[in-house]
């Protein structure tokens, strides 16, 4: 009994040892080691297919690019191409992601249908190749099974959306050229966004320029909220890339949704300026995927979280600067108005005559003794007052996004009252200035007659 137990233990130990050596041979890519193992135990690969729950030897070889080792494996066990690891990936997924062209060719030759296998995230080997920007691998996979280009990920993300989101222009161009169908190029995700919406929202100038130059691309396509690509770029913070994208869109004949004719049977109504701004800036609405940053149907990554925090900090910084500018402008306006009522040196308390000059109560003392300095002071004071009032007007009536908001009747009345008050104050200053000029001319005329 003990002898049988020892023989069985030795047999199990030898099996575990062979499995370990098979894994080591896969890592190093040693074909000779694999041959020796198979010579001792012809069932080595068969056992590996059953006992390996994470990665098969072919997974390891495909990941590391051991071409000869993979070829020898497939010679003896062709169906290993269908084996999946714990994340549902086939060896072709790993080879495609790493851009091993010859390895991909061997795996496709063994089983072309393996390029249709999806992993736990719904990604095929083509998705892996496109997301990594492996153009040649992409060409081989599409050639093996063209229907794989129609597979979508969560939220309806097409293979073209995957290419744009990772900024893989080379892969995008190849896919468009290989398929070239209008329906394929203009395919939409679950939010109704085309790849042009996505490229515009991510401010990818080269990608957007390429897309609008394609005859298949519908530049005026609208998403689920009736927003066009031009709407997106017009309501995003302005920078050089945004201006270049807008110019390319306009040159290609792109229109904003409010300038597009309503088509019969449309499932949505085009949105107004304020509605579009709200949709683009509000990350809770579905169209945020087409306007803010078009994200995947995953929980926010740390990088995405940092981007959102930076955007919030910028908005908060803008609001603080806006408030500070309002306070400074109001303070300057108040000081200028007070200086006009009570100029430097004060005013005469009563009427009197001094040195042949008549001093009227309420007039500036400085104007009597330093007329030129008083004129310069009042000119600067008036400029400061009206400039500060203009700044206050702009800050109050222009939103932080740089767009004039929709003016409701209440705001329209308030604006009208404000303008009337400004005009009244300006008129008072002009009248005072004209009276002062008339007095100076009158005094000068009287002085001339007295001299004669």
Foldseek 3Di string as FASTA:
>chain_A
DVVVVVVVVVVVVVLVVLLVQLLVCLQVLPPVSVVVSCVVPVCNQVVQLVPAAADGSLLSCLLVVSQVSNLVSCVSPLVQQCDAGPQQDGSLLNNLLVLNLSNNVSNCVSPLCQQLGATNQGDGSLLSNLLNLNQNSNVVNCVSPVVSQCGATPQAHGSLLSNLLSVNQSNNVSNCVVVVALCSQQPAGNQADGSLLQCLQVLVQVNNLVQLPRPSHDQARATNQQFGSLLQLVQDADDDSSVSSNVSSVVSPYDGSVPDDDDPPDPYHHDDNVVSNCLCVDCVDPCVLRHNHNDDPDDDDPVNVVVVVVVVVVVVVLVVVLVVLLVVLVVLLVVLVVCVQAPPPGAACDWDADPNDTGHGSDHPCCVVPVVVVVVVNVVSVVSNVVSLVSNVCSVQADSSRDGDDQDPVNVVVVVVSVVVVVVVVVVVVVVVVVVVVVVVVVVVVVVVVVD
